[in-house]
Amino acid sequence: MEVTYQPKGTCSRLMHVAEENGVIKSVEIVGGCNGNLKGIMRLVEGMPVKEAISKLEGIDCNGKGTSCPDQLAQALKQLT
């Protein structure tokens, strides 16, 4: 299953996530802090979707109430 998600309240503009059998197969994030997001994408690929959600959800960026990792968790929730 695949989902394309438009993040809210972050610098990233678009997230595309693919999963198979509950495991994240690929993540592509457009915009945002390039190096940090590349690291996050590599870390979550191969991780169970539910585990990634539990690790990323609720992370805040500079008092915005959300962050790119938190928005990735929101995108991943659409896969469950």
C-alpha atoms as a PDB file:
ATOM      1  CA  MET A   1       0.000   0.000   0.000  1.00  0.00           C
ATOM      2  CA  GLU A   2       1.167   3.529  -0.708  1.00  0.00           C
ATOM      3  CA  VAL A   3       0.146   6.940   0.567  1.00  0.00           C
ATOM      4  CA  THR A   4       0.991  10.487  -0.481  1.00  0.00           C
ATOM      5  CA  TYR A   5       0.573  12.991   2.333  1.00  0.00           C
ATOM      6  CA  GLN A   6       0.803  16.776   2.451  1.00  0.00           C
ATOM      7  CA  PRO A   7       2.337  17.741   5.814  1.00  0.00           C
ATOM      8  CA  LYS A   8       0.838  20.547   7.868  1.00  0.00           C
ATOM      9  CA  GLY A   9       2.884  23.095   9.845  1.00  0.00           C
ATOM     10  CA  THR A  10       6.330  21.971   8.653  1.00  0.00           C
ATOM     11  CA  CYS A  11       8.951  22.916   6.067  1.00  0.00           C
ATOM     12  CA  SER A  12       8.482  19.632   4.216  1.00  0.00           C
ATOM     13  CA  ARG A  13       5.906  19.868   1.440  1.00  0.00           C
ATOM     14  CA  LEU A  14       5.102  16.288   0.469  1.00  0.00           C
ATOM     15  CA  MET A  15       5.609  12.770   1.824  1.00  0.00           C
ATOM     16  CA  HIS A  16       5.256   9.546  -0.120  1.00  0.00           C
ATOM     17  CA  VAL A  17       5.364   6.301   1.860  1.00  0.00           C
ATOM     18  CA  ALA A  18       5.084   2.685   0.721  1.00  0.00           C
ATOM     19  CA  GLU A  19       4.605  -0.344   2.959  1.00  0.00           C
ATOM     20  CA  GLU A  20       4.245  -4.061   2.483  1.00  0.00           C
ATOM     21  CA  ASN A  21       2.950  -6.467   5.130  1.00  0.00           C
ATOM     22  CA  GLY A  22       3.109  -3.755   7.807  1.00  0.00           C
ATOM     23  CA  VAL A  23       6.756  -2.869   7.083  1.00  0.00           C
ATOM     24  CA  ILE A  24       7.913   0.442   5.592  1.00  0.00           C
ATOM     25  CA  LYS A  25       9.469  -0.204   2.187  1.00  0.00           C
ATOM     26  CA  SER A  26      10.241   3.357   1.078  1.00  0.00           C
ATOM     27  CA  VAL A  27       9.860   6.958   2.165  1.00  0.00           C
ATOM     28  CA  GLU A  28      10.331  10.085   0.056  1.00  0.00           C
ATOM     29  CA  ILE A  29      10.060  13.537   1.625  1.00  0.00           C
ATOM     30  CA  VAL A  30      10.127  16.732  -0.451  1.00  0.00           C
ATOM     31  CA  GLY A  31      11.335  19.903   1.252  1.00  0.00           C
ATOM     32  CA  GLY A  32      12.406  20.279   4.849  1.00  0.00           C
ATOM     33  CA  CYS A  33      15.891  19.837   6.333  1.00  0.00           C
ATOM     34  CA  ASN A  34      17.507  17.664   3.683  1.00  0.00           C
ATOM     35  CA  GLY A  35      20.170  15.893   5.767  1.00  0.00           C
ATOM     36  CA  ASN A  36      17.960  15.256   8.778  1.00  0.00           C
ATOM     37  CA  LEU A  37      15.124  13.900   6.672  1.00  0.00           C
ATOM     38  CA  LYS A  38      17.446  11.635   4.692  1.00  0.00           C
ATOM     39  CA  GLY A  39      18.573  10.178   8.010  1.00  0.00           C
ATOM     40  CA  ILE A  40      15.002   9.654   9.196  1.00  0.00           C
ATOM     41  CA  MET A  41      14.042   8.051   5.875  1.00  0.00           C
ATOM     42  CA  ARG A  42      16.914   5.560   6.112  1.00  0.00           C
ATOM     43  CA  LEU A  43      16.167   4.766   9.739  1.00  0.00           C
ATOM     44  CA  VAL A  44      12.483   3.961   9.209  1.00  0.00           C
ATOM     45  CA  GLU A  45      12.843   1.934   6.007  1.00  0.00           C
ATOM     46  CA  GLY A  46      12.480  -1.726   6.985  1.00  0.00           C
ATOM     47  CA  MET A  47      10.822  -0.787  10.296  1.00  0.00           C
ATOM     48  CA  PRO A  48       7.311  -1.949  11.169  1.00  0.00           C
ATOM     49  CA  VAL A  49       4.818   0.861  10.518  1.00  0.00           C
ATOM     50  CA  LYS A  50       3.415   0.778  14.059  1.00  0.00           C
ATOM     51  CA  GLU A  51       6.887   0.963  15.620  1.00  0.00           C
ATOM     52  CA  ALA A  52       7.805   3.999  13.504  1.00  0.00           C
ATOM     53  CA  ILE A  53       4.553   5.728  14.483  1.00  0.00           C
ATOM     54  CA  SER A  54       5.242   5.157  18.189  1.00  0.00           C
ATOM     55  CA  LYS A  55       8.781   6.553  17.878  1.00  0.00           C
ATOM     56  CA  LEU A  56       7.943   9.618  15.746  1.00  0.00           C
ATOM     57  CA  GLU A  57       4.504  10.769  16.868  1.00  0.00           C
ATOM     58  CA  GLY A  58       4.485  13.817  19.116  1.00  0.00           C
ATOM     59  CA  ILE A  59       7.962  15.134  18.289  1.00  0.00           C
ATOM     60  CA  ASP A  60       7.851  18.942  18.300  1.00  0.00           C
ATOM     61  CA  CYS A  61       9.998  21.367  16.266  1.00  0.00           C
ATOM     62  CA  ASN A  62      10.629  24.722  17.937  1.00  0.00           C
ATOM     63  CA  GLY A  63       7.221  24.956  19.617  1.00  0.00           C
ATOM     64  CA  LYS A  64       5.249  24.434  16.381  1.00  0.00           C
ATOM     65  CA  GLY A  65       3.216  21.619  17.931  1.00  0.00           C
ATOM     66  CA  THR A  66       4.416  19.282  15.193  1.00  0.00           C
ATOM     67  CA  SER A  67       7.529  18.411  13.187  1.00  0.00           C
ATOM     68  CA  CYS A  68       8.526  16.526  10.067  1.00  0.00           C
ATOM     69  CA  PRO A  69       8.888  13.279  12.084  1.00  0.00           C
ATOM     70  CA  ASP A  70       5.461  13.855  13.665  1.00  0.00           C
ATOM     71  CA  GLN A  71       3.935  14.523  10.249  1.00  0.00           C
ATOM     72  CA  LEU A  72       5.576  11.343   8.925  1.00  0.00           C
ATOM     73  CA  ALA A  73       3.829   9.490  11.762  1.00  0.00           C
ATOM     74  CA  GLN A  74       0.537  11.025  10.608  1.00  0.00           C
ATOM     75  CA  ALA A  75       1.222   9.833   7.063  1.00  0.00           C
ATOM     76  CA  LEU A  76       2.072   6.345   8.356  1.00  0.00           C
ATOM     77  CA  LYS A  77      -1.216   6.197  10.273  1.00  0.00           C
ATOM     78  CA  GLN A  78      -3.001   6.232   6.919  1.00  0.00           C
ATOM     79  CA  LEU A  79      -1.368   2.864   6.225  1.00  0.00           C
ATOM     80  CA  THR A  80      -2.783   1.143   9.314  1.00  0.00           C
END
